[in-house]
Protein backbone atom coordinates (compact mmCIF):
# COMPACT_ATOMS: atom_id res chain seq x y z
CA UNK A 1 86.25 100.96 95.23
CA UNK A 2 89.94 100.57 95.96
CA UNK A 3 91.09 102.58 98.89
CA UNK A 4 93.94 105.06 97.96
CA UNK A 5 97.43 103.45 98.03
CA UNK A 6 100.64 105.09 98.48
CA UNK A 7 102.51 105.77 95.40
CA UNK A 8 105.96 107.19 94.74
CA UNK A 9 105.78 110.80 93.46
CA UNK A 10 107.88 111.35 90.45
CA UNK A 11 110.53 113.97 90.61
CA UNK A 12 110.01 117.49 89.09
CA UNK A 13 111.03 118.06 85.49
CA UNK A 14 114.76 118.27 85.29
CA UNK A 15 116.29 121.69 85.23
CA UNK A 16 119.84 122.80 84.83
CA UNK A 17 120.87 124.77 87.89
CA UNK A 18 124.23 126.40 88.19
CA UNK A 19 126.37 125.02 91.03
CA UNK A 20 128.13 127.26 93.36
CA UNK A 21 131.48 126.02 94.21
CA UNK A 22 132.60 128.93 96.41
CA UNK A 23 131.95 127.09 99.69
CA UNK A 24 133.40 123.71 98.76
CA UNK A 25 130.38 122.05 97.15
CA UNK A 26 130.97 119.43 94.52
CA UNK A 27 128.72 118.53 91.70
CA UNK A 28 127.13 115.14 92.03
CA UNK A 29 128.91 113.72 89.08
CA UNK A 30 132.21 115.40 89.74
CA UNK A 31 133.93 112.66 87.46
CA UNK A 32 132.02 113.95 84.46
CA UNK A 33 132.52 117.69 83.87
CA UNK A 34 129.85 119.64 81.94
CA UNK A 35 132.11 120.26 79.14
CA UNK A 36 132.62 116.50 78.53
CA UNK A 37 129.93 115.41 76.09
CA UNK A 38 130.31 111.70 76.16
CA UNK A 39 129.39 110.56 79.67
CA UNK A 40 129.08 106.87 79.47
CA UNK A 41 130.62 104.16 77.05
CA UNK A 42 130.24 100.46 77.56
CA UNK A 43 130.60 97.25 75.49
CA UNK A 44 128.50 94.31 76.38
CA UNK A 45 127.47 90.97 74.76
CA UNK A 46 124.18 90.99 72.94
CA UNK A 47 122.86 87.91 74.83
CA UNK A 48 123.73 89.44 78.23
CA UNK A 49 122.21 92.74 77.25
CA UNK A 50 119.16 91.13 75.93
CA UNK A 51 118.54 89.24 79.12
CA UNK A 52 118.98 92.23 81.29
CA UNK A 53 116.97 94.75 79.35
CA UNK A 54 114.22 92.00 78.89
CA UNK A 55 113.77 91.68 82.54
CA UNK A 56 113.55 95.55 82.95
CA UNK A 57 111.23 96.47 80.14
CA UNK A 58 108.67 93.83 81.16
CA UNK A 59 107.97 96.02 84.25
CA UNK A 60 107.43 99.13 82.30
CA UNK A 61 103.78 99.94 81.69
CA UNK A 62 103.10 100.43 77.96
CA UNK A 63 100.57 103.25 78.59
CA UNK A 64 101.66 105.91 81.14
CA UNK A 65 101.34 109.70 81.24
CA UNK A 66 104.76 110.13 82.95
CA UNK A 67 107.50 109.96 80.04
CA UNK A 68 110.29 108.92 82.35
CA UNK A 69 108.41 105.78 83.43
CA UNK A 70 108.71 104.40 79.99
CA UNK A 71 112.54 104.45 80.42
CA UNK A 72 115.12 102.15 81.83
CA UNK A 73 117.93 103.67 83.99
CA UNK A 74 121.33 102.45 82.81
CA UNK A 75 124.15 102.93 85.29
CA UNK A 76 127.74 101.83 84.46
CA UNK A 77 130.47 101.58 87.00
CA UNK A 78 133.62 99.36 87.39
CA UNK A 79 132.96 96.28 85.27
CA UNK A 80 129.21 96.24 85.73
CA UNK A 81 126.29 97.86 84.24
CA UNK A 82 122.76 97.95 85.91
CA UNK A 83 119.34 98.38 84.22
CA UNK A 84 116.62 99.70 86.53
CA UNK A 85 112.90 100.09 85.61
CA UNK A 86 109.87 100.75 87.63
CA UNK A 87 105.95 101.39 87.32
CA UNK A 88 106.03 102.93 90.84
CA UNK A 89 104.71 99.86 92.36
CA UNK A 90 107.35 97.46 91.31
CA UNK A 91 111.10 98.02 90.71
CA UNK A 92 113.54 95.66 89.02
CA UNK A 93 117.26 96.15 88.92
CA UNK A 94 119.35 93.65 86.75
CA UNK A 95 123.20 93.72 86.90
CA UNK A 96 125.22 92.46 83.98
CA UNK A 97 128.96 92.22 83.31
CA UNK A 98 130.30 94.72 80.70
CA UNK A 99 133.46 96.41 79.71
CA UNK A 100 133.00 99.89 81.01
CA UNK A 101 135.12 102.29 79.19
CA UNK A 102 133.69 105.36 80.87
CA UNK A 103 131.32 105.27 83.85
CA UNK A 104 128.10 107.23 83.87
CA UNK A 105 124.36 106.96 83.75
CA UNK A 106 121.31 107.93 81.66
CA UNK A 107 117.75 106.83 80.87
CA UNK A 108 116.30 105.58 77.43
CA UNK A 109 113.06 103.92 76.22
CA UNK A 110 113.13 100.40 77.67
CA UNK A 111 110.80 98.88 75.00
CA UNK A 112 112.83 100.62 72.10
CA UNK A 113 116.16 99.43 73.50
CA UNK A 114 114.77 95.96 74.08
CA UNK A 115 113.45 95.72 70.50
CA UNK A 116 116.65 96.83 69.00
CA UNK A 117 118.78 94.44 70.99
CA UNK A 118 116.39 91.62 70.22
CA UNK A 119 116.90 92.16 66.48
CA UNK A 120 120.67 92.34 66.60
CA UNK A 121 122.48 89.12 65.39
CA UNK A 122 123.44 86.53 67.88
CA UNK A 123 126.96 86.79 69.20
CA UNK A 124 127.19 90.57 68.46
CA UNK A 125 129.19 92.83 70.77
CA UNK A 126 127.13 95.92 71.46
CA UNK A 127 128.54 99.35 72.08
CA UNK A 128 126.52 101.71 74.02
CA UNK A 129 127.48 105.46 74.30
CA UNK A 130 125.57 108.23 76.11
CA UNK A 131 126.12 111.81 75.20
CA UNK A 132 124.22 113.74 77.77
CA UNK A 133 125.04 117.12 76.29
CA UNK A 134 122.92 116.23 73.26
CA UNK A 135 120.57 114.05 75.04
CA UNK A 136 121.24 110.95 72.81
CA UNK A 137 122.22 107.35 73.35
CA UNK A 138 124.12 105.59 70.61
CA UNK A 139 123.76 101.71 70.15
CA UNK A 140 126.22 100.17 67.65
CA UNK A 141 126.72 96.58 66.68
CA UNK A 142 128.54 95.52 63.50
CA UNK A 143 127.35 97.81 60.79
CA UNK A 144 124.10 98.77 62.65
CA UNK A 145 123.88 102.19 64.52
CA UNK A 146 121.00 103.64 66.36
CA UNK A 147 120.56 106.89 68.00
CA UNK A 148 117.85 107.21 70.72
CA UNK A 149 116.58 110.06 72.68
CA UNK A 150 117.28 110.16 76.51
CA UNK A 151 115.92 111.66 79.63
CA UNK A 152 118.04 112.90 82.48
CA UNK A 153 118.80 110.32 85.17
CA UNK A 154 117.96 112.68 87.91
CA UNK A 155 114.24 112.48 86.80
CA UNK A 156 114.11 108.72 87.33
CA UNK A 157 112.25 107.74 90.48
CA UNK A 158 113.91 105.28 92.77
CA UNK A 159 111.77 103.33 95.12
CA UNK A 160 112.36 104.30 98.64
CA UNK A 161 114.21 101.79 100.80
CA UNK A 162 112.21 99.95 103.55
CA UNK A 163 113.03 98.52 106.82
CA UNK A 164 112.40 94.83 106.38
CA UNK A 165 111.20 92.98 109.50
CA UNK A 166 112.04 89.70 108.06
CA UNK A 167 114.97 88.39 105.99
CA UNK A 168 115.44 84.94 104.86
CA UNK A 169 116.55 82.71 101.75
CA UNK A 170 114.72 79.97 100.02
CA UNK A 171 115.71 77.66 97.19
CA UNK A 172 114.26 78.76 93.85
CA UNK A 173 112.27 75.61 93.32
CA UNK A 174 110.46 76.01 96.70
CA UNK A 175 109.39 79.60 95.80
CA UNK A 176 108.48 78.39 92.30
CA UNK A 177 106.23 75.80 93.66
CA UNK A 178 104.52 78.05 96.05
CA UNK A 179 103.71 80.69 93.56
CA UNK A 180 103.20 78.48 90.39
CA UNK A 181 100.65 76.29 92.06
CA UNK A 182 98.65 79.20 93.68
CA UNK A 183 98.71 81.94 90.98
CA UNK A 184 96.09 80.52 88.81
CA UNK A 185 93.44 81.18 91.46
CA UNK A 186 94.07 84.97 91.84
CA UNK A 187 91.12 87.02 91.25
CA UNK A 188 90.94 89.51 88.49
CA UNK A 189 87.94 91.31 89.89
CA UNK A 190 89.20 94.78 90.76
CA UNK A 191 86.60 95.61 93.29
CA UNK A 192 87.94 92.89 95.66
CA UNK A 193 91.41 94.28 95.28
CA UNK A 194 92.62 92.30 98.24
CA UNK A 195 92.15 89.03 96.30
CA UNK A 196 94.24 90.22 93.33
CA UNK A 197 97.43 88.63 94.53
CA UNK A 198 99.02 85.60 96.46
CA UNK A 199 98.72 85.80 100.21
CA UNK A 200 102.25 84.80 101.54
CA UNK A 201 102.40 84.10 105.28
CA UNK A 202 103.47 81.92 108.12
CA UNK A 203 100.88 79.30 109.12
CA UNK A 204 100.72 76.12 111.12
CA UNK A 205 100.73 72.88 108.97
CA UNK A 206 100.26 69.32 109.96
CA UNK A 207 103.82 69.02 111.08
CA UNK A 208 104.39 72.42 112.49
CA UNK A 209 105.09 76.11 111.09
CA UNK A 210 105.11 76.39 107.32
CA UNK A 211 105.50 79.03 104.73
CA UNK A 212 102.17 79.29 103.01
CA UNK A 213 100.85 80.88 99.78
CA UNK A 214 96.99 81.20 99.30
CA UNK A 215 95.06 82.60 96.39
CA UNK A 216 91.31 82.60 95.78
CA UNK A 217 88.83 84.29 93.56
CA UNK A 218 85.77 83.17 95.55
CA UNK A 219 85.21 80.19 92.98
CA UNK A 220 88.43 78.21 93.55
CA UNK A 221 91.28 78.38 96.09
CA UNK A 222 94.76 77.06 96.26
CA UNK A 223 96.64 76.61 99.50
CA UNK A 224 100.29 75.51 99.10
CA UNK A 225 102.83 74.93 101.97
CA UNK A 226 106.62 74.61 102.14
CA UNK A 227 109.03 74.18 105.12
CA UNK A 228 109.42 77.41 106.92
CA UNK A 229 112.89 78.82 106.17
CA UNK A 230 115.17 80.11 108.95
CA UNK A 231 114.55 83.78 109.57
CA UNK A 232 111.07 83.74 108.28
CA UNK A 233 109.31 83.14 111.79
CA UNK A 234 108.47 86.78 112.28
CA UNK A 235 107.38 87.51 108.70
CA UNK A 236 104.20 89.68 108.34
CA UNK A 237 101.60 88.20 106.19
CA UNK A 238 101.51 90.10 102.79
CA UNK A 239 99.57 90.06 99.65
CA UNK A 240 102.01 89.87 96.61
CA UNK A 241 100.38 91.42 93.64
CA UNK A 242 99.64 89.57 90.41
CA UNK A 243 102.06 91.49 88.31
CA UNK A 244 104.78 90.93 90.91
CA UNK A 245 104.12 87.22 90.94
CA UNK A 246 104.51 87.17 87.03
CA UNK A 247 107.83 89.06 87.28
CA UNK A 248 109.17 87.02 90.09
CA UNK A 249 108.71 83.80 87.95
CA UNK A 250 111.60 85.07 85.78
CA UNK A 251 114.05 84.77 88.77
CA UNK A 252 113.13 81.24 89.68
CA UNK A 253 114.24 79.13 86.65
CA UNK A 254 117.53 78.11 88.04
CA UNK A 255 117.10 75.12 90.44
CA UNK A 256 120.51 75.82 92.21
CA UNK A 257 119.66 79.44 92.91
CA UNK A 258 119.05 80.69 96.57
CA UNK A 259 116.53 83.65 96.64
CA UNK A 260 117.05 86.16 99.33
CA UNK A 261 113.56 87.30 100.49
CA UNK A 262 112.93 90.38 102.62
CA UNK A 263 109.49 91.33 103.95
CA UNK A 264 107.96 94.40 105.64
CA UNK A 265 104.38 95.46 106.17
CA UNK A 266 104.43 97.56 102.89
CA UNK A 267 107.03 95.92 100.60
CA UNK A 268 108.66 92.63 99.56
CA UNK A 269 111.95 92.11 97.85
CA UNK A 270 113.36 89.10 96.18
CA UNK A 271 116.99 88.97 95.23
CA UNK A 272 119.59 86.92 93.35
CA UNK A 273 123.25 88.08 93.07
CA UNK A 274 122.21 89.59 89.54
CA UNK A 275 118.54 90.66 89.88
CA UNK A 276 116.63 92.56 92.59
CA UNK A 277 112.86 92.74 92.51
CA UNK A 278 111.18 95.02 94.88
CA UNK A 279 107.35 95.47 95.07
CA UNK A 280 104.75 97.13 97.12
CA UNK A 281 102.32 94.69 98.66
CA UNK A 282 98.53 94.95 98.43
CA UNK A 283 97.22 97.29 101.13
CA UNK A 284 94.42 95.19 102.40
CA UNK A 285 93.27 92.24 104.59
CA UNK A 286 93.15 88.91 103.03
CA UNK A 287 89.92 86.95 104.18
CA UNK A 288 89.94 84.03 106.48
CA UNK A 289 90.34 81.28 103.83
CA UNK A 290 90.34 78.56 106.45
CA UNK A 291 86.68 78.80 106.82
CA UNK A 292 85.93 77.65 103.18
CA UNK A 293 88.32 74.71 103.13
CA UNK A 294 86.10 71.74 103.81
CA UNK A 295 87.11 69.31 106.59
CA UNK A 296 84.20 66.87 106.62
CA UNK A 297 84.14 65.75 102.99
CA UNK A 298 84.06 61.91 103.02
CA UNK A 299 83.15 60.65 99.49
CA UNK A 300 86.65 59.97 98.01
CA UNK A 301 87.51 59.77 94.31
CA UNK A 302 90.93 58.80 93.09
CA UNK A 303 91.79 59.33 89.38
CA UNK A 304 94.61 59.50 87.03
CA UNK A 305 95.19 63.23 86.95
CA UNK A 306 96.51 63.44 83.32
CA UNK A 307 93.69 61.27 82.06
CA UNK A 308 91.08 63.14 83.97
CA UNK A 309 92.24 66.64 82.59
CA UNK A 310 92.36 65.16 79.01
CA UNK A 311 88.87 63.83 79.38
CA UNK A 312 87.51 67.20 80.71
CA UNK A 313 89.10 68.96 77.90
CA UNK A 314 87.60 66.66 75.25
CA UNK A 315 84.02 66.73 76.53
CA UNK A 316 84.23 70.56 77.07
CA UNK A 317 85.01 70.88 73.31
CA UNK A 318 81.37 70.80 72.22
CA UNK A 319 80.66 74.10 74.10
CA UNK A 320 81.76 77.49 72.89
CA UNK A 321 81.24 78.88 76.39
CA UNK A 322 84.40 78.57 78.53
CA UNK A 323 82.25 78.45 81.63
CA UNK A 324 80.20 75.61 80.58
CA UNK A 325 79.47 73.22 83.38
CA UNK A 326 80.85 69.63 83.11
CA UNK A 327 78.72 67.13 84.89
CA UNK A 328 80.46 64.30 86.99
CA UNK A 329 78.37 61.23 87.58
CA UNK A 330 80.04 59.00 90.21
CA UNK A 331 79.17 55.37 90.77
CA UNK A 332 81.18 52.48 92.08
CA UNK A 333 84.70 52.69 90.39
CA UNK A 334 83.18 54.72 87.40
CA UNK A 335 83.15 58.22 86.51
CA UNK A 336 81.06 59.63 83.65
CA UNK A 337 81.92 63.12 82.41
CA UNK A 338 79.26 64.90 80.23
CA UNK A 339 78.52 68.22 78.65
CA UNK A 340 75.16 69.24 77.39
CA UNK A 341 75.14 72.35 75.05
CA UNK A 342 71.70 72.66 73.36
CA UNK A 343 73.02 75.04 70.79
CA UNK A 344 76.11 72.86 69.88
CA UNK A 345 75.66 69.29 70.83
CA UNK A 346 76.51 67.01 73.70
CA UNK A 347 79.55 64.82 74.72
CA UNK A 348 80.15 62.10 77.27
CA UNK A 349 83.23 60.03 78.42
CA UNK A 350 83.74 57.26 80.89
CA UNK A 351 86.73 56.81 82.99
CA UNK A 352 87.69 53.88 85.31
CA UNK A 353 88.47 55.43 88.93
CA UNK A 354 88.61 54.41 92.39
CA UNK A 355 85.35 55.26 94.09
CA UNK A 356 83.40 53.20 96.79
CA UNK A 357 80.78 55.82 98.05
CA UNK A 358 77.19 56.29 97.23
CA UNK A 359 76.24 57.66 93.81
CA UNK A 360 76.71 61.37 93.25
CA UNK A 361 76.15 63.88 90.53
CA UNK A 362 78.03 67.28 90.71
CA UNK A 363 78.81 69.95 88.11
CA UNK A 364 81.78 72.17 87.80
CA UNK A 365 83.15 74.94 85.65
CA UNK A 366 85.30 73.14 82.94
CA UNK A 367 88.00 75.74 83.08
CA UNK A 368 88.32 75.45 86.81
CA UNK A 369 88.59 71.61 86.84
CA UNK A 370 91.27 71.84 84.10
CA UNK A 371 93.36 74.42 85.97
CA UNK A 372 93.19 72.48 89.02
CA UNK A 373 94.08 69.16 87.53
CA UNK A 374 97.01 70.68 85.75
CA UNK A 375 98.70 71.48 89.14
CA UNK A 376 98.95 67.87 90.08
CA UNK A 377 102.65 66.55 89.78
CA UNK A 378 101.84 63.21 91.07
CA UNK A 379 100.11 60.55 89.08
CA UNK A 380 96.82 60.52 90.91
CA UNK A 381 94.45 63.27 91.98
CA UNK A 382 92.19 62.79 95.12
CA UNK A 383 88.84 64.53 95.15
CA UNK A 384 86.77 64.75 98.44
CA UNK A 385 83.16 65.43 97.97
CA UNK A 386 80.26 66.11 100.45
CA UNK A 387 77.26 66.70 98.41
CA UNK A 388 76.33 68.40 94.94
CA UNK A 389 76.03 71.87 96.53
CA UNK A 390 79.14 71.92 98.74
CA UNK A 391 82.63 72.85 97.94
CA UNK A 392 84.83 69.98 96.73
CA UNK A 393 88.52 69.57 97.92
CA UNK A 394 91.26 68.20 95.80
CA UNK A 395 94.85 67.13 96.63
CA UNK A 396 97.76 65.34 95.14
CA UNK A 397 97.57 61.75 96.35
CA UNK A 398 97.84 61.89 100.17
CA UNK A 399 100.11 64.94 100.07
CA UNK A 400 98.38 67.71 102.20
CA UNK A 401 100.96 70.35 101.43
CA UNK A 402 98.99 71.42 98.21
CA UNK A 403 95.21 71.63 98.71
CA UNK A 404 92.70 73.05 96.19
CA UNK A 405 88.99 73.87 96.62
CA UNK A 406 86.47 74.50 94.05
CA UNK A 407 82.84 75.49 94.08
CA UNK A 408 80.25 73.49 92.27
CA UNK A 409 77.83 74.60 89.58
CA UNK A 410 74.17 73.68 88.96
CA UNK A 411 73.74 71.19 86.04
């Protein structure tokens, strides 16, 4: 059972409280007197709005018992509008350029706003007006007008700031590689909650300190290394949750982008000039993964990664079970892949490979083999075997910065 984890407590239901100005107090939004109905008015391009709201609404949980958590907080000031969403574990803030006629803030259904903007015509100029007195948000574009219910901005929970112990920046392609190549091995088993993410930490590689990402579900493991960025030396090891890894991916498409990373014992933050993603990390201890990475496997198979993946996919077709074992029969410079499904049929395919060790028969889950083979960027994949009952190691050619381990199945 998962240990209790700290969660932000949502604010109490908003109540209107009279403000006493006798002793010099000022209302929080002194620029927006109570008798001024329209508090916020902005104009923004549809494409810009769609991108910003899309990032925010993906964080929102579709099912939740706290109404404010279904909303996005819209804050307009100067020539910028920001969209903030949270599920109490992750918070994303996306800033976009806009023409701000009147500054202000409100909250509205994130999914509803996203659906409306998505269906507006390309190139439309969208005008958003918030009337806090009536609790409505008006969205206008061309001849379309929508009026949406709002909730007070004061009810919106903002994730508490954290003292980060390490701050560094890394190119988007580096972080993309670290997480893309490891996330397939994240466990979905909730009882072992500490495996439900990617373990990001500083480790020692073959050529010195590296920034390393590891994920495993007990059946397969991925260990990916990158050069250690300046400022990351004192970083605490953290387990980045699966959902956060998915949201982070949206920040990493621009190859020229530098991502600012901040890490503490309890939180991690990734930021670009426009988007800030803050997340709690999993409160648990990642197991000692080094013990399961084989070091004495000597039987070496080298195979064209793309051809291998296609062959595995083809022979696995005869089985309706995704976990059906694929048998590998290895002989000198020859690999035979086979599947035997008594209820459906059988399949066999032969590949020319580089293999010079003694004969070996070993079985693997077809899905696991496909996922690992699809991570290979280089032409050839190298498998290192010990016996039919021991873990198998796979890497990309002679590159040891990406290492994968898969447990065999009985066949």
